[in-house]
Amino acid sequence: MPAKPTQILERATPESQGIASSAILKFTEAAESQLHELHSFMLVRNGKVVAEGWWSPFEPQLTHMMFSLSKSFTSTAVGLAVAEGCFSLDDTVISFFPDEAPAKPNKHLAKMQVRHLLSMSTGHDIDTTDRMINGSDNKWTQGFFDVPVVHKPGTHFLYNTGATYMLSAIVQKTTGQRLIKYLKPRLFDPLGIQNPTWQVSPEGIDTGGFGLKITTEDIARFGQLYLQKGVWGGKQLLPAGWTEKATAFHIKNGDDPKSDWAQGYGYQFWRSQHNAYRGDGAFGQYCLVMPEQDAVLAITSGLGDMQQPLNLVWEHLLPAMADAPKKANSTAHKKLTEKLSTLAIAPVQGEASSPKAKKLSGQVYNLASNDLGFKTMALKFGKSGCQLTVKQGRTTETLTIGYGKWQAGETKLFNNPYDKKAAVMVTSGAWTSKDTFRFILRFHDTPFYQSFDVHVGKDALTIETRVNVAFQPPETEVIKATLAT
Protein backbone atom coordinates (compact mmCIF):
# COMPACT_ATOMS: atom_id res chain seq x y z
CA MET A 1 0.00 0.00 0.00
CA PRO A 2 1.26 3.55 -0.70
CA ALA A 3 2.73 5.29 2.30
CA LYS A 4 0.42 7.76 4.00
CA PRO A 5 2.11 10.76 5.61
CA THR A 6 1.36 11.35 9.27
CA GLN A 7 1.26 15.08 8.53
CA ILE A 8 -0.27 16.58 5.40
CA LEU A 9 0.99 19.80 3.84
CA GLU A 10 -2.22 21.81 3.73
CA ARG A 11 -2.86 24.48 1.08
CA ALA A 12 -3.54 28.11 1.93
CA THR A 13 -3.62 31.47 0.21
CA PRO A 14 -0.36 33.43 0.36
CA GLU A 15 -2.03 36.39 2.07
CA SER A 16 -3.36 34.20 4.88
CA GLN A 17 0.25 33.24 5.64
CA GLY A 18 1.66 36.76 5.47
CA ILE A 19 2.99 36.95 1.94
CA ALA A 20 1.53 38.85 -1.00
CA SER A 21 0.43 36.91 -4.08
CA SER A 22 1.92 39.72 -6.15
CA ALA A 23 5.40 38.99 -4.73
CA ILE A 24 5.18 35.32 -5.71
CA LEU A 25 3.94 36.36 -9.15
CA LYS A 26 6.97 38.65 -9.56
CA PHE A 27 9.26 35.79 -8.53
CA THR A 28 7.61 33.47 -11.04
CA GLU A 29 7.78 36.01 -13.86
CA ALA A 30 11.41 36.82 -13.08
CA ALA A 31 12.26 33.13 -13.05
CA GLU A 32 10.64 32.66 -16.45
CA SER A 33 12.37 35.63 -18.03
CA GLN A 34 15.81 35.11 -16.48
CA LEU A 35 16.18 31.39 -15.87
CA HIS A 36 14.29 29.81 -18.80
CA GLU A 37 14.63 26.26 -17.47
CA LEU A 38 12.85 26.18 -14.13
CA HIS A 39 10.91 22.93 -13.85
CA SER A 40 8.92 23.37 -10.63
CA PHE A 41 8.71 25.13 -7.32
CA MET A 42 6.71 24.80 -4.13
CA LEU A 43 6.66 27.47 -1.43
CA VAL A 44 5.64 26.51 2.10
CA ARG A 45 4.94 29.14 4.77
CA ASN A 46 3.98 28.32 8.35
CA GLY A 47 3.67 24.68 7.30
CA LYS A 48 1.20 25.38 4.48
CA VAL A 49 1.75 25.35 0.74
CA VAL A 50 1.00 28.86 -0.51
CA ALA A 51 2.18 28.45 -4.12
CA GLU A 52 3.17 25.58 -6.38
CA GLY A 53 3.80 25.30 -10.09
CA TRP A 54 5.21 22.95 -12.71
CA TRP A 55 6.35 23.98 -16.16
CA SER A 56 4.75 21.46 -18.52
CA PRO A 57 5.86 18.81 -19.51
CA PHE A 58 6.98 18.55 -15.87
CA GLU A 59 4.16 17.41 -13.58
CA PRO A 60 3.53 17.07 -9.82
CA GLN A 61 3.58 13.26 -9.81
CA LEU A 62 6.86 12.94 -11.71
CA THR A 63 10.03 12.26 -9.77
CA HIS A 64 13.08 14.36 -10.61
CA MET A 65 16.80 13.63 -10.36
CA MET A 66 18.17 15.28 -7.20
CA PHE A 67 21.92 15.06 -7.81
CA SER A 68 23.67 16.35 -4.64
CA LEU A 69 20.45 17.14 -2.81
CA SER A 70 20.66 13.38 -2.21
CA LYS A 71 23.50 14.15 0.23
CA SER A 72 21.15 15.71 2.76
CA PHE A 73 19.10 12.50 2.85
CA THR A 74 22.27 10.45 3.36
CA SER A 75 23.19 12.74 6.25
CA THR A 76 19.76 12.12 7.74
CA ALA A 77 20.33 8.36 7.59
CA VAL A 78 23.62 8.85 9.43
CA GLY A 79 21.87 10.83 12.17
CA LEU A 80 19.30 8.07 12.60
CA ALA A 81 21.90 5.28 12.61
CA VAL A 82 24.06 7.09 15.18
CA ALA A 83 21.02 7.55 17.43
CA GLU A 84 20.30 3.82 17.13
CA GLY A 85 23.83 3.00 18.29
CA CYS A 86 25.08 1.60 14.99
CA PHE A 87 28.22 3.75 15.06
CA SER A 88 29.38 7.17 16.25
CA LEU A 89 30.57 10.33 14.56
CA ASP A 90 33.95 9.83 16.24
CA ASP A 91 34.58 6.42 14.66
CA THR A 92 37.46 6.38 12.20
CA VAL A 93 36.59 5.71 8.57
CA ILE A 94 39.23 2.99 8.13
CA SER A 95 37.72 1.00 11.01
CA PHE A 96 34.74 0.10 8.81
CA PHE A 97 36.82 -1.05 5.85
CA PRO A 98 39.66 -3.31 6.98
CA ASP A 99 39.88 -5.02 3.59
CA GLU A 100 39.90 -1.85 1.48
CA ALA A 101 41.92 0.59 3.61
CA PRO A 102 45.72 0.63 3.34
CA ALA A 103 47.52 -1.66 5.78
CA LYS A 104 49.66 1.31 6.82
CA PRO A 105 47.53 4.46 6.40
CA ASN A 106 49.20 7.84 6.67
CA LYS A 107 48.58 9.87 9.82
CA HIS A 108 45.80 11.97 8.24
CA LEU A 109 43.81 9.02 6.87
CA ALA A 110 44.20 7.21 10.18
CA LYS A 111 42.52 10.14 11.97
CA MET A 112 39.68 10.69 9.48
CA GLN A 113 36.34 10.27 11.29
CA VAL A 114 32.70 9.95 10.22
CA ARG A 115 32.14 13.60 11.14
CA HIS A 116 34.80 14.61 8.61
CA LEU A 117 32.93 12.77 5.85
CA LEU A 118 29.80 14.66 6.87
CA SER A 119 31.43 18.10 6.86
CA MET A 120 33.46 17.62 3.65
CA SER A 121 36.66 18.05 5.64
CA THR A 122 38.28 14.68 4.93
CA GLY A 123 41.67 16.23 4.18
CA HIS A 124 41.67 15.44 0.48
CA ASP A 125 42.88 17.94 -2.10
CA ILE A 126 40.69 16.51 -4.89
CA ASP A 127 37.22 15.02 -5.04
CA THR A 128 37.61 11.26 -4.80
CA THR A 129 34.60 10.50 -7.00
CA ASP A 130 36.44 10.22 -10.32
CA ARG A 131 38.99 7.77 -8.91
CA MET A 132 36.22 5.75 -7.28
CA ILE A 133 34.12 5.45 -10.42
CA ASN A 134 36.75 5.28 -13.15
CA GLY A 135 39.93 3.98 -11.58
CA SER A 136 39.10 1.23 -9.13
CA ASP A 137 37.79 -1.75 -11.12
CA ASN A 138 34.28 -1.00 -9.85
CA LYS A 139 35.54 -1.07 -6.25
CA TRP A 140 34.43 2.38 -5.21
CA THR A 141 35.42 2.12 -1.55
CA GLN A 142 38.90 1.03 -2.60
CA GLY A 143 39.06 4.02 -4.96
CA PHE A 144 38.30 6.38 -2.08
CA PHE A 145 41.34 5.15 -0.18
CA ASP A 146 43.54 5.41 -3.27
CA VAL A 147 43.37 9.22 -3.15
CA PRO A 148 46.01 10.70 -0.83
CA VAL A 149 44.84 12.53 2.31
CA VAL A 150 47.15 15.53 2.47
CA HIS A 151 45.55 17.73 5.16
CA LYS A 152 44.65 17.11 8.76
CA PRO A 153 40.96 16.07 8.76
CA GLY A 154 38.66 18.84 9.95
CA THR A 155 40.89 21.69 8.78
CA HIS A 156 40.32 21.88 5.02
CA PHE A 157 36.97 22.10 3.16
CA LEU A 158 36.70 20.27 -0.15
CA TYR A 159 33.38 19.33 -1.73
CA ASN A 160 33.84 15.61 -2.07
CA THR A 161 30.99 13.44 -3.32
CA GLY A 162 33.05 10.35 -2.61
CA ALA A 163 32.83 11.18 1.09
CA THR A 164 29.06 10.88 0.93
CA TYR A 165 29.32 7.52 -0.80
CA MET A 166 31.43 6.32 2.12
CA LEU A 167 28.69 7.45 4.52
CA SER A 168 26.21 5.35 2.55
CA ALA A 169 28.61 2.42 2.71
CA ILE A 170 28.99 2.82 6.48
CA VAL A 171 25.22 2.91 6.98
CA GLN A 172 24.89 -0.26 4.91
CA LYS A 173 27.72 -2.06 6.73
CA THR A 174 26.39 -1.25 10.18
CA THR A 175 22.65 -1.67 9.58
CA GLY A 176 22.71 -4.49 7.03
CA GLN A 177 20.44 -2.49 4.73
CA ARG A 178 20.86 -0.33 1.68
CA LEU A 179 20.40 3.35 2.46
CA ILE A 180 17.03 3.57 0.69
CA LYS A 181 15.65 0.56 2.57
CA TYR A 182 16.95 1.83 5.88
CA LEU A 183 15.24 5.19 5.33
CA LYS A 184 11.93 3.76 4.15
CA PRO A 185 10.25 3.13 7.53
CA ARG A 186 12.16 5.89 9.32
CA LEU A 187 11.79 8.77 6.87
CA PHE A 188 10.14 8.05 3.54
CA ASP A 189 7.00 6.32 4.80
CA PRO A 190 6.19 8.84 7.57
CA LEU A 191 6.69 11.74 5.12
CA GLY A 192 4.56 10.02 2.48
CA ILE A 193 7.45 9.83 -0.01
CA GLN A 194 6.24 7.12 -2.38
CA ASN A 195 8.45 5.07 -4.67
CA PRO A 196 11.77 6.88 -4.25
CA THR A 197 14.63 5.36 -6.22
CA TRP A 198 18.37 5.58 -5.65
CA GLN A 199 21.17 4.74 -8.04
CA VAL A 200 23.31 1.79 -6.90
CA SER A 201 27.07 1.37 -7.33
CA PRO A 202 28.64 -1.78 -8.80
CA GLU A 203 29.37 -2.74 -5.18
CA GLY A 204 25.63 -2.83 -4.45
CA ILE A 205 25.71 0.34 -2.33
CA ASP A 206 23.40 3.31 -2.86
CA THR A 207 25.53 6.11 -4.32
CA GLY A 208 24.68 8.43 -1.43
CA GLY A 209 26.00 11.70 -2.84
CA PHE A 210 23.71 11.58 -5.89
CA GLY A 211 21.20 9.29 -7.55
CA LEU A 212 18.01 9.89 -5.53
CA LYS A 213 14.79 10.61 -7.45
CA ILE A 214 11.76 12.07 -5.65
CA THR A 215 9.01 14.61 -6.37
CA THR A 216 8.92 18.35 -5.69
CA GLU A 217 6.50 17.93 -2.80
CA ASP A 218 8.77 15.25 -1.33
CA ILE A 219 11.54 17.86 -1.23
CA ALA A 220 9.20 20.33 0.48
CA ARG A 221 8.15 17.79 3.11
CA PHE A 222 11.79 16.98 3.85
CA GLY A 223 12.57 20.66 4.30
CA GLN A 224 9.55 21.15 6.53
CA LEU A 225 10.68 18.23 8.69
CA TYR A 226 14.00 19.97 9.25
CA LEU A 227 12.28 23.29 9.87
CA GLN A 228 10.20 21.55 12.55
CA LYS A 229 13.42 20.19 14.14
CA GLY A 230 12.67 16.61 13.19
CA VAL A 231 9.07 16.56 14.45
CA TRP A 232 6.42 15.27 12.05
CA GLY A 233 2.79 14.61 12.84
CA GLY A 234 3.47 15.30 16.51
CA LYS A 235 6.24 12.67 16.69
CA GLN A 236 10.01 13.13 16.99
CA LEU A 237 10.91 11.48 13.70
CA LEU A 238 14.59 12.49 13.73
CA PRO A 239 16.80 12.36 16.83
CA ALA A 240 16.38 15.41 19.04
CA GLY A 241 19.08 17.92 18.26
CA TRP A 242 20.12 16.32 14.97
CA THR A 243 18.62 18.94 12.67
CA GLU A 244 20.37 21.75 14.56
CA LYS A 245 23.68 19.85 14.44
CA ALA A 246 23.39 18.89 10.76
CA THR A 247 22.55 22.40 9.58
CA ALA A 248 24.99 24.31 11.80
CA PHE A 249 28.22 25.94 10.59
CA HIS A 250 30.96 23.28 10.86
CA ILE A 251 33.61 24.53 8.48
CA LYS A 252 34.44 27.65 6.49
CA ASN A 253 34.08 27.34 2.72
CA GLY A 254 34.68 30.86 1.36
CA ASP A 255 34.63 34.60 1.94
CA ASP A 256 32.19 36.06 -0.61
CA PRO A 257 29.27 37.57 1.35
CA LYS A 258 27.03 37.43 -1.73
CA SER A 259 27.67 33.79 -2.58
CA ASP A 260 25.46 31.09 -1.10
CA TRP A 261 28.39 28.70 -1.53
CA ALA A 262 30.59 30.67 0.89
CA GLN A 263 28.46 30.86 4.03
CA GLY A 264 29.79 27.74 5.70
CA TYR A 265 29.01 24.04 5.49
CA GLY A 266 27.26 21.70 7.91
CA TYR A 267 26.70 17.97 7.75
CA GLN A 268 25.80 17.64 4.03
CA PHE A 269 23.85 20.90 4.22
CA TRP A 270 24.99 24.31 2.95
CA ARG A 271 24.62 27.42 5.05
CA SER A 272 22.95 30.23 3.09
CA GLN A 273 22.60 33.97 3.27
CA HIS A 274 19.98 35.41 5.65
CA ASN A 275 20.58 32.64 8.19
CA ALA A 276 18.96 30.08 5.91
CA TYR A 277 20.31 26.64 5.00
CA ARG A 278 19.73 24.21 2.18
CA GLY A 279 20.41 20.94 0.49
CA ASP A 280 21.00 21.41 -3.20
CA GLY A 281 21.92 19.47 -6.32
CA ALA A 282 23.61 20.16 -9.63
CA PHE A 283 21.73 22.20 -12.21
CA GLY A 284 19.29 23.65 -9.73
CA GLN A 285 17.62 21.22 -7.33
CA TYR A 286 16.97 22.99 -4.01
CA CYS A 287 15.54 22.38 -0.58
CA LEU A 288 15.87 25.86 0.92
CA VAL A 289 14.88 26.28 4.57
CA MET A 290 14.40 29.78 5.98
CA PRO A 291 13.88 29.38 9.75
CA GLU A 292 13.45 33.07 10.55
CA GLN A 293 10.65 33.29 7.97
CA ASP A 294 9.14 29.86 8.84
CA ALA A 295 9.39 28.99 5.15
CA VAL A 296 10.59 26.23 2.84
CA LEU A 297 11.15 26.48 -0.89
CA ALA A 298 11.55 23.40 -3.11
CA ILE A 299 12.83 23.85 -6.66
CA THR A 300 13.72 21.56 -9.55
CA SER A 301 15.35 22.88 -12.70
CA GLY A 302 18.00 22.49 -15.38
CA LEU A 303 20.24 25.51 -14.87
CA GLY A 304 23.90 26.32 -15.35
CA ASP A 305 24.03 29.19 -12.84
CA MET A 306 22.76 27.96 -9.48
CA GLN A 307 23.15 31.30 -7.69
CA GLN A 308 20.54 32.98 -9.90
CA PRO A 309 17.43 31.32 -8.42
CA LEU A 310 18.60 32.09 -4.89
CA ASN A 311 19.16 35.73 -5.84
CA LEU A 312 15.55 35.88 -7.03
CA VAL A 313 14.39 34.39 -3.72
CA TRP A 314 16.32 37.01 -1.76
CA GLU A 315 15.03 39.78 -4.05
CA HIS A 316 11.35 38.88 -4.37
CA LEU A 317 10.24 36.36 -1.74
CA LEU A 318 12.25 36.95 1.40
CA PRO A 319 11.34 40.65 1.90
CA ALA A 320 7.67 39.90 1.16
CA MET A 321 7.24 37.57 4.14
CA ALA A 322 5.50 39.38 6.98
CA ASP A 323 4.91 38.16 10.52
CA ALA A 324 1.15 38.63 10.39
CA PRO A 325 -1.48 37.65 7.80
CA LYS A 326 -2.17 40.16 5.06
CA LYS A 327 -5.52 41.41 3.87
CA ALA A 328 -7.07 39.08 1.32
CA ASN A 329 -6.49 40.18 -2.27
CA SER A 330 -8.65 38.10 -4.58
CA THR A 331 -7.53 39.95 -7.72
CA ALA A 332 -3.81 39.37 -7.07
CA HIS A 333 -4.41 35.79 -5.99
CA LYS A 334 -6.40 35.08 -9.15
CA LYS A 335 -3.55 36.41 -11.31
CA LEU A 336 -1.08 34.23 -9.48
CA THR A 337 -3.30 31.16 -9.73
CA GLU A 338 -3.81 31.68 -13.45
CA LYS A 339 -0.08 32.08 -13.97
CA LEU A 340 0.80 28.97 -12.01
CA SER A 341 -1.81 26.89 -13.84
CA THR A 342 -0.47 27.79 -17.29
CA LEU A 343 3.27 27.37 -16.80
CA ALA A 344 4.88 25.59 -19.73
CA ILE A 345 8.14 25.10 -21.58
CA ALA A 346 7.21 25.61 -25.21
CA PRO A 347 7.75 22.78 -27.69
CA VAL A 348 10.01 23.43 -30.68
CA GLN A 349 8.57 26.27 -32.73
CA GLY A 350 8.37 26.11 -36.54
CA GLU A 351 6.59 24.35 -39.38
CA ALA A 352 5.44 20.74 -39.53
CA SER A 353 6.69 20.39 -43.09
CA SER A 354 9.26 21.70 -45.58
CA PRO A 355 10.03 21.20 -49.27
CA LYS A 356 13.09 19.24 -48.10
CA ALA A 357 11.03 16.82 -46.00
CA LYS A 358 10.19 14.55 -48.94
CA LYS A 359 13.84 14.23 -49.93
CA LEU A 360 14.93 13.44 -46.38
CA SER A 361 12.01 11.26 -45.27
CA GLY A 362 12.82 7.59 -44.76
CA GLN A 363 16.42 7.86 -45.95
CA VAL A 364 19.08 6.17 -43.84
CA TYR A 365 22.24 8.18 -43.20
CA ASN A 366 25.59 6.95 -41.90
CA LEU A 367 26.97 9.21 -39.19
CA ALA A 368 30.63 10.02 -38.72
CA SER A 369 32.17 9.04 -35.39
CA ASN A 370 30.43 10.96 -32.61
CA ASP A 371 30.26 11.18 -28.82
CA LEU A 372 26.73 9.77 -28.73
CA GLY A 373 27.82 6.57 -30.44
CA PHE A 374 25.10 6.91 -33.09
CA LYS A 375 25.89 4.88 -36.22
CA THR A 376 22.91 5.64 -38.43
CA MET A 377 19.88 7.94 -38.36
CA ALA A 378 16.68 8.12 -40.34
CA LEU A 379 13.77 10.59 -40.16
CA LYS A 380 10.40 9.61 -41.56
CA PHE A 381 7.96 12.52 -41.69
CA GLY A 382 4.20 12.06 -41.27
CA LYS A 383 1.24 14.34 -40.76
CA SER A 384 1.05 13.88 -36.99
CA GLY A 385 4.71 13.39 -36.17
CA CYS A 386 8.15 12.27 -37.24
CA GLN A 387 9.64 8.80 -36.71
CA LEU A 388 13.28 8.98 -35.66
CA THR A 389 15.23 5.73 -36.05
CA VAL A 390 18.74 5.54 -34.60
CA LYS A 391 21.25 2.71 -34.56
CA GLN A 392 23.65 2.78 -31.63
CA GLY A 393 26.05 -0.15 -31.44
CA ARG A 394 23.95 -3.26 -31.95
CA THR A 395 20.73 -1.58 -30.83
CA THR A 396 18.19 0.17 -33.04
CA GLU A 397 15.48 2.40 -31.57
CA THR A 398 12.57 4.23 -33.16
CA LEU A 399 11.15 7.27 -31.40
CA THR A 400 8.18 9.47 -32.25
CA ILE A 401 8.83 13.20 -32.37
CA GLY A 402 5.76 15.37 -31.79
CA TYR A 403 4.84 18.44 -33.83
CA GLY A 404 3.77 21.45 -31.78
CA LYS A 405 3.59 19.42 -28.59
CA TRP A 406 5.64 17.28 -26.25
CA GLN A 407 5.29 13.62 -27.24
CA ALA A 408 5.82 11.11 -24.42
CA GLY A 409 8.18 8.20 -24.94
CA GLU A 410 11.11 6.18 -23.60
CA THR A 411 14.69 5.54 -24.70
CA LYS A 412 17.90 3.77 -23.67
CA LEU A 413 20.07 5.74 -26.10
CA PHE A 414 21.46 8.02 -23.40
CA ASN A 415 21.69 5.62 -20.45
CA ASN A 416 24.78 5.66 -18.26
CA PRO A 417 26.35 2.26 -17.44
CA TYR A 418 24.34 1.90 -14.22
CA ASP A 419 20.89 2.50 -15.71
CA LYS A 420 19.11 -0.58 -16.96
CA LYS A 421 15.61 0.82 -17.38
CA ALA A 422 14.57 2.97 -20.31
CA ALA A 423 14.63 6.69 -19.56
CA VAL A 424 11.31 8.53 -19.69
CA MET A 425 11.31 11.50 -22.04
CA VAL A 426 9.24 13.80 -24.20
CA THR A 427 10.09 14.92 -27.72
CA SER A 428 9.23 17.83 -29.96
CA GLY A 429 10.37 18.89 -33.41
CA ALA A 430 9.73 21.38 -36.21
CA TRP A 431 11.26 22.81 -39.37
CA THR A 432 12.88 26.04 -38.24
CA SER A 433 13.78 26.85 -41.86
CA LYS A 434 13.27 25.08 -45.17
CA ASP A 435 16.69 23.41 -44.74
CA THR A 436 16.73 22.71 -40.98
CA PHE A 437 14.72 20.29 -38.89
CA ARG A 438 15.21 20.82 -35.17
CA PHE A 439 14.15 18.29 -32.55
CA ILE A 440 14.61 17.99 -28.81
CA LEU A 441 14.68 14.90 -26.61
CA ARG A 442 13.84 16.09 -23.10
CA PHE A 443 14.47 13.68 -20.22
CA HIS A 444 11.89 15.18 -17.94
CA ASP A 445 12.81 13.34 -14.76
CA THR A 446 16.25 14.96 -15.06
CA PRO A 447 17.64 18.46 -15.71
CA PHE A 448 18.69 17.44 -19.22
CA TYR A 449 17.57 17.76 -22.79
CA GLN A 450 19.46 17.02 -26.01
CA SER A 451 18.85 19.21 -29.03
CA PHE A 452 19.49 18.27 -32.66
CA ASP A 453 19.59 20.61 -35.65
CA VAL A 454 19.56 18.58 -38.86
CA HIS A 455 20.75 20.73 -41.78
CA VAL A 456 19.84 19.26 -45.15
CA GLY A 457 22.53 19.72 -47.80
CA LYS A 458 22.67 18.65 -51.41
CA ASP A 459 24.10 15.18 -50.81
CA ALA A 460 24.62 15.01 -47.04
CA LEU A 461 23.43 16.16 -43.64
CA THR A 462 25.13 18.23 -40.99
CA ILE A 463 23.80 17.50 -37.52
CA GLU A 464 24.50 19.89 -34.65
CA THR A 465 23.73 18.41 -31.26
CA ARG A 466 24.10 19.75 -27.73
CA VAL A 467 23.05 18.97 -24.19
CA ASN A 468 21.64 21.94 -22.28
CA VAL A 469 23.75 21.59 -19.11
CA ALA A 470 26.76 19.50 -18.09
CA PHE A 471 29.49 19.43 -15.46
CA GLN A 472 31.86 20.81 -18.07
CA PRO A 473 30.64 23.74 -20.23
CA PRO A 474 28.46 22.04 -22.87
CA GLU A 475 29.74 22.25 -26.42
CA THR A 476 27.94 21.75 -29.71
CA GLU A 477 29.05 18.63 -31.54
CA VAL A 478 28.89 18.78 -35.34
CA ILE A 479 28.29 15.42 -36.99
CA LYS A 480 28.55 14.79 -40.72
CA ALA A 481 26.11 12.28 -42.19
CA THR A 482 26.12 10.73 -45.64
CA LEU A 483 23.42 8.77 -47.43
CA ALA A 484 23.77 5.04 -46.84
CA THR A 485 24.22 3.00 -50.01
Foldseek 3Di string as FASTA:
>chain_A
DFFDALFDAAADAQLQQQFFLLLVVVLVVCCCVPFVWWAKKWKGFPSHTHDIFGAPVRDQQFWAWFQQLLQVLLLLLLQQCVVVVLDHQQAQLCVLPVPQADPDAPPQSRRQGLQLLQQQQSQFPDAQQCQQQPPDPLNNVNSSNVGHRHGRGLADHDDHLSSQQSSQVSSCSRVVDASVVSCVVLPCSNLSFGDWWFFAGPVRHGSRRTGIITGQVSLQSVLLCLLVQCDGSNRNSGPHPSSVQQFDARDADADDLLDQRGPHHGRSKGQGPQRKIWHHRPQEFIFIHRNVLNMTMTTDTRGDDHSVSVVSCVVRPPVRRDPRRHDDDVVSSVVSVVVRVNRHNWFDDAALDAPCLVVQAPFKKAKDDDPLQWGIWGWHGDDAWIWIWTDHPNDIDIDTAGERDWAWDWAPSPPDPRDDDTQIWTKYWYAHDNFWIKMKTGRNSYNKIKIWIWGDDDFWIWIWIWIPDDPPRIDIDIMIIGTDD
